[in-house]
Amino acid sequence: MLLKTKSNWLVLLASLIALPSVATAQDGYWPEGKSYCVSLTYDDGLPSQIVHALPQLKAAGLKGTFFCPGDADYRWSQDDVDRIREEGHELAGHTVNHPCARKNDWVKPGNALEDYDDERMAKELDQNLANLIKNGVKREIATFAYPCGSTYIGEDKHSYIPLVKERFFAARGTKVGFEVPSNGETNLFDVKTFAGNQRDVAYQLNQVTATRDNNGWLVFMFHGVGGDHIAISADGHKEILRFLQEDDSVWVATFQEAAAWVKSKQEGKPASASASQAE
């Protein structure tokens, strides 16, 4: 459904927020009586995230997770990195060279997933993690996102998830959908996601309400915001944040916070609804 006027947007937002939750999963799973969880994640360390996403997150009072390849100042300045941390967002890993499948014509020769072995990937993950630690991330709760969602390396395409498990707390993949952790089947090293640039904002909000109706966990994956590649418009991003800001039933948590909560439930241990990454 395409919405053509601002008034139509407001009617949609009001109606979606007013809809009762039809919970098919366990009630009371999320902290503070919340019905569902949403994590806002941003890949690749893009300039438009600094220009548009950060101010919009601040205005909405929401926190996000920024998965950045290379050094943290790969496409940002150190001031940008410091700002992300100071405003309470999560800085997280995304390798150094962002390796993807060789079939992609933009992948540089020698930097395809098929060109990697365990030793090379381990070294790259260590470098990525060391940079996060240098920028104030606690080693024991650092999280990760697989570039292009691919979890394999080498010509034989074997999994490098074991290498990620040795170094990171949890990892986001690109399998499409939302998780229902109360069912006990969430793989915290290949968490499902939903791309924030898919179709229009009405479609995005339908994914949010479906997650709410199932007491689930939706991890949005954004790249460009109002610019750069695989972009959602700045206005579209703002509408999603507005919806979340106005829905009292949602827990908007960083990827690490949500993963820690799910892990605690899986292990039957108490957990805090928030966790600081700063040393």
Protein backbone atom coordinates (compact mmCIF):
# COMPACT_ATOMS: atom_id res chain seq x y z
CA MET A 1 0.00 0.00 0.00
CA LEU A 2 1.49 3.33 -1.02
CA LEU A 3 0.63 6.30 1.20
CA LYS A 4 0.58 9.64 -0.61
CA THR A 5 -0.03 12.24 2.08
CA LYS A 6 1.30 13.11 5.50
CA SER A 7 -2.18 12.74 6.98
CA ASN A 8 -2.37 9.19 5.68
CA TRP A 9 0.95 8.43 7.38
CA LEU A 10 -0.38 9.73 10.68
CA VAL A 11 -3.59 7.70 10.36
CA LEU A 12 -1.53 4.55 9.66
CA LEU A 13 0.77 5.15 12.61
CA ALA A 14 -2.12 5.78 14.98
CA SER A 15 -4.03 2.71 13.83
CA LEU A 16 -1.01 0.40 14.03
CA ILE A 17 -0.13 1.55 17.54
CA ALA A 18 -3.74 1.12 18.65
CA LEU A 19 -4.00 -2.48 17.42
CA PRO A 20 -4.12 -5.02 20.25
CA SER A 21 -1.36 -7.59 20.41
CA VAL A 22 -2.43 -11.13 19.55
CA ALA A 23 0.37 -12.95 21.30
CA THR A 24 1.13 -16.43 20.06
CA ALA A 25 4.30 -16.74 22.11
CA GLN A 26 4.98 -16.57 25.81
CA ASP A 27 3.70 -13.39 27.48
CA GLY A 28 6.07 -11.67 29.89
CA TYR A 29 9.22 -12.68 28.07
CA TRP A 30 10.64 -9.20 27.57
CA PRO A 31 11.76 -6.85 30.38
CA GLU A 32 9.51 -4.34 32.12
CA GLY A 33 6.34 -5.86 30.71
CA LYS A 34 7.23 -5.05 27.11
CA SER A 35 5.50 -7.09 24.40
CA TYR A 36 8.33 -7.26 21.88
CA CYS A 37 11.83 -6.09 21.06
CA VAL A 38 13.32 -4.17 18.14
CA SER A 39 17.03 -3.61 17.47
CA LEU A 40 18.12 -0.93 15.03
CA THR A 41 21.38 -1.91 13.33
CA TYR A 42 23.51 -0.06 10.78
CA ASP A 43 26.13 -1.68 8.57
CA ASP A 44 29.37 -0.56 6.89
CA GLY A 45 30.20 2.65 8.77
CA LEU A 46 28.63 4.98 6.19
CA PRO A 47 28.73 8.80 6.29
CA SER A 48 24.95 9.11 5.87
CA GLN A 49 24.51 7.29 9.17
CA ILE A 50 26.34 10.13 10.89
CA VAL A 51 24.49 12.83 8.94
CA HIS A 52 20.95 11.43 9.25
CA ALA A 53 20.64 8.36 11.48
CA LEU A 54 22.44 9.69 14.55
CA PRO A 55 20.44 12.93 14.85
CA GLN A 56 17.19 11.08 14.28
CA LEU A 57 18.04 8.45 16.90
CA LYS A 58 18.92 11.18 19.38
CA ALA A 59 15.69 13.08 18.71
CA ALA A 60 13.67 9.89 19.24
CA GLY A 61 15.62 8.87 22.35
CA LEU A 62 16.52 5.51 20.82
CA LYS A 63 19.80 3.56 20.67
CA GLY A 64 21.25 1.62 17.75
CA THR A 65 24.08 -0.75 16.87
CA PHE A 66 26.71 0.22 14.30
CA PHE A 67 28.51 -2.70 12.63
CA CYS A 68 31.68 -1.20 11.17
CA PRO A 69 34.36 -2.87 9.02
CA GLY A 70 38.04 -2.02 9.16
CA ASP A 71 39.18 0.36 11.82
CA ALA A 72 36.29 2.18 13.44
CA ASP A 73 37.19 5.28 11.43
CA TYR A 74 36.98 3.32 8.15
CA ARG A 75 34.64 5.92 6.63
CA TRP A 76 34.13 8.03 9.75
CA SER A 77 36.40 10.37 11.65
CA GLN A 78 37.49 9.51 15.16
CA ASP A 79 35.16 12.27 16.33
CA ASP A 80 32.29 10.42 14.67
CA VAL A 81 33.25 7.21 16.46
CA ASP A 82 33.47 9.03 19.77
CA ARG A 83 30.06 10.58 19.18
CA ILE A 84 28.48 7.17 18.55
CA ARG A 85 29.85 5.89 21.83
CA GLU A 86 29.08 9.04 23.83
CA GLU A 87 25.46 9.01 22.70
CA GLY A 88 25.04 5.50 24.05
CA HIS A 89 25.01 3.46 20.85
CA GLU A 90 26.74 0.12 20.36
CA LEU A 91 29.86 -0.11 18.19
CA ALA A 92 30.28 -3.62 16.80
CA GLY A 93 32.37 -5.77 14.43
CA HIS A 94 32.03 -6.35 10.68
CA THR A 95 35.50 -7.70 9.70
CA VAL A 96 38.23 -5.49 8.21
CA ASN A 97 37.93 -5.90 4.42
CA HIS A 98 34.21 -6.74 4.29
CA PRO A 99 34.72 -9.96 2.26
CA CYS A 100 31.79 -11.15 0.17
CA ALA A 101 31.33 -13.78 -2.53
CA ARG A 102 33.55 -13.59 -5.59
CA LYS A 103 30.49 -13.44 -7.85
CA ASN A 104 29.93 -9.81 -6.79
CA ASP A 105 31.72 -7.61 -9.32
CA TRP A 106 32.54 -4.98 -6.69
CA VAL A 107 34.63 -7.39 -4.58
CA LYS A 108 38.32 -6.60 -4.98
CA PRO A 109 40.55 -9.42 -6.30
CA GLY A 110 41.98 -11.37 -3.39
CA ASN A 111 39.35 -10.15 -0.92
CA ALA A 112 36.54 -12.57 -1.75
CA LEU A 113 35.29 -15.04 0.84
CA GLU A 114 36.65 -17.83 -1.34
CA ASP A 115 40.16 -16.34 -0.92
CA TYR A 116 40.09 -16.75 2.86
CA ASP A 117 41.26 -19.61 5.05
CA ASP A 118 40.78 -19.93 8.81
CA GLU A 119 44.11 -18.30 9.62
CA ARG A 120 43.42 -15.22 7.53
CA MET A 121 39.88 -14.79 8.83
CA ALA A 122 40.98 -15.30 12.44
CA LYS A 123 43.61 -12.60 12.02
CA GLU A 124 41.06 -10.22 10.51
CA LEU A 125 38.52 -10.84 13.25
CA ASP A 126 41.21 -10.25 15.87
CA GLN A 127 42.13 -6.93 14.25
CA ASN A 128 38.50 -5.86 14.07
CA LEU A 129 37.94 -6.82 17.71
CA ALA A 130 41.10 -5.07 18.87
CA ASN A 131 39.91 -1.85 17.28
CA LEU A 132 36.55 -2.13 19.06
CA ILE A 133 38.31 -2.63 22.38
CA LYS A 134 40.51 0.38 21.67
CA ASN A 135 37.31 2.37 21.26
CA GLY A 136 35.85 1.31 24.60
CA VAL A 137 33.95 -1.88 23.78
CA LYS A 138 34.18 -4.64 26.37
CA ARG A 139 35.70 -7.75 24.82
CA GLU A 140 33.26 -10.12 26.51
CA ILE A 141 30.15 -8.45 25.04
CA ALA A 142 31.39 -7.39 21.59
CA THR A 143 28.97 -8.38 18.83
CA PHE A 144 29.38 -8.98 15.11
CA ALA A 145 27.56 -8.98 11.74
CA TYR A 146 28.60 -11.18 8.81
CA PRO A 147 29.38 -9.10 5.69
CA CYS A 148 26.74 -9.88 3.05
CA GLY A 149 25.29 -12.33 5.57
CA SER A 150 27.68 -15.04 4.36
CA THR A 151 29.05 -17.34 7.03
CA TYR A 152 31.47 -19.35 4.87
CA ILE A 153 35.05 -18.98 3.65
CA GLY A 154 37.35 -20.85 1.26
CA GLU A 155 36.75 -22.57 -2.03
CA ASP A 156 35.10 -25.38 -0.06
CA LYS A 157 32.77 -22.83 1.58
CA HIS A 158 33.23 -24.06 5.14
CA SER A 159 31.71 -22.14 8.03
CA TYR A 160 33.66 -19.51 9.93
CA ILE A 161 30.98 -19.24 12.61
CA PRO A 162 33.28 -21.17 15.04
CA LEU A 163 35.87 -18.38 14.68
CA VAL A 164 33.21 -15.78 15.42
CA LYS A 165 32.00 -17.72 18.46
CA GLU A 166 35.53 -17.72 19.88
CA ARG A 167 35.68 -13.92 19.76
CA PHE A 168 32.22 -12.39 19.93
CA PHE A 169 29.16 -12.50 22.17
CA ALA A 170 26.55 -12.81 19.40
CA ALA A 171 26.24 -12.27 15.65
CA ARG A 172 23.62 -11.04 13.20
CA GLY A 173 23.15 -12.73 9.85
CA THR A 174 20.89 -11.79 6.93
CA LYS A 175 18.30 -14.58 6.98
CA VAL A 176 15.02 -12.73 6.54
CA GLY A 177 12.51 -12.62 9.36
CA PHE A 178 12.12 -11.95 13.05
CA GLU A 179 12.98 -14.19 15.97
CA VAL A 180 10.56 -15.55 18.57
CA PRO A 181 13.06 -16.29 21.34
CA SER A 182 10.44 -17.61 23.79
CA ASN A 183 10.16 -20.66 21.51
CA GLY A 184 13.75 -21.49 22.47
CA GLU A 185 15.07 -21.76 18.91
CA THR A 186 17.03 -18.51 18.45
CA ASN A 187 20.59 -19.03 17.19
CA LEU A 188 22.49 -16.11 18.71
CA PHE A 189 25.29 -16.52 16.17
CA ASP A 190 23.05 -16.16 13.11
CA VAL A 191 20.21 -13.92 14.23
CA LYS A 192 17.59 -13.17 11.58
CA THR A 193 17.12 -9.65 10.27
CA PHE A 194 14.97 -7.50 8.07
CA ALA A 195 16.44 -5.04 5.57
CA GLY A 196 15.25 -1.52 6.24
CA ASN A 197 15.26 -0.53 2.57
CA GLN A 198 12.72 -3.15 1.45
CA ARG A 199 9.69 -1.70 -0.35
CA ASP A 200 7.96 1.21 1.44
CA VAL A 201 7.62 2.28 5.06
CA ALA A 202 4.12 0.80 5.36
CA TYR A 203 5.67 -2.58 4.57
CA GLN A 204 8.39 -1.99 7.18
CA LEU A 205 5.81 -1.16 9.83
CA ASN A 206 3.85 -4.29 8.98
CA GLN A 207 6.96 -6.27 9.95
CA VAL A 208 7.06 -4.42 13.26
CA THR A 209 3.42 -5.18 14.07
CA ALA A 210 3.86 -8.83 13.06
CA THR A 211 6.77 -9.02 15.51
CA ARG A 212 4.63 -7.41 18.21
CA ASP A 213 1.80 -9.86 17.63
CA ASN A 214 4.23 -12.74 18.22
CA ASN A 215 6.17 -11.25 21.17
CA GLY A 216 9.22 -11.44 18.92
CA TRP A 217 12.55 -9.74 18.29
CA LEU A 218 12.99 -7.80 15.06
CA VAL A 219 16.50 -6.73 14.05
CA PHE A 220 16.38 -4.00 11.42
CA MET A 221 19.40 -3.89 9.10
CA PHE A 222 20.06 -0.46 7.63
CA HIS A 223 22.90 0.64 5.37
CA GLY A 224 22.61 4.11 3.90
CA VAL A 225 20.14 6.52 5.50
CA GLY A 226 19.24 9.30 3.10
CA GLY A 227 22.33 8.53 0.98
CA ASP A 228 25.13 6.03 0.25
CA HIS A 229 24.24 2.47 -0.81
CA ILE A 230 21.24 0.20 -0.12
CA ALA A 231 19.59 3.28 1.33
CA ILE A 232 16.32 4.02 3.05
CA SER A 233 15.22 7.64 2.74
CA ALA A 234 15.89 9.88 5.71
CA ASP A 235 12.13 10.51 6.00
CA GLY A 236 11.37 6.79 5.89
CA HIS A 237 13.89 6.08 8.63
CA LYS A 238 12.39 8.87 10.71
CA GLU A 239 8.88 7.40 10.33
CA ILE A 240 10.04 4.02 11.62
CA LEU A 241 11.69 5.65 14.63
CA ARG A 242 8.55 7.71 15.28
CA PHE A 243 6.41 4.59 15.32
CA LEU A 244 8.74 2.88 17.81
CA GLN A 245 8.99 6.00 19.94
CA GLU A 246 5.19 6.17 20.26
CA ASP A 247 4.64 2.46 20.98
CA ASP A 248 4.87 1.86 24.73
CA SER A 249 4.83 -1.90 24.24
CA VAL A 250 8.22 -2.11 22.48
CA TRP A 251 11.65 -2.49 24.02
CA VAL A 252 14.10 -0.84 21.64
CA ALA A 253 17.45 -2.36 22.58
CA THR A 254 20.89 -2.51 21.06
CA PHE A 255 21.74 -5.82 19.44
CA GLN A 256 24.01 -6.68 22.37
CA GLU A 257 21.38 -5.84 24.99
CA ALA A 258 18.72 -7.93 23.26
CA ALA A 259 21.11 -10.84 22.69
CA ALA A 260 22.16 -10.75 26.34
CA TRP A 261 18.52 -10.88 27.42
CA VAL A 262 17.76 -13.82 25.12
CA LYS A 263 20.88 -15.66 26.25
CA SER A 264 19.94 -15.17 29.90
CA LYS A 265 16.52 -16.65 29.21
CA GLN A 266 18.05 -19.59 27.35
CA GLU A 267 20.34 -20.25 30.30
CA GLY A 268 17.68 -19.58 32.94
CA LYS A 269 19.68 -16.76 34.51
CA PRO A 270 18.58 -13.25 35.54
CA ALA A 271 19.66 -10.42 33.23
CA SER A 272 19.66 -6.65 33.26
CA ALA A 273 17.58 -4.91 30.62
CA SER A 274 20.59 -2.80 29.69
CA ALA A 275 24.33 -3.26 29.61
CA SER A 276 27.13 -0.74 29.28
CA GLN A 277 29.87 -1.40 26.80
CA ALA A 278 32.26 1.15 28.19
CA GLU A 279 35.15 0.01 30.32
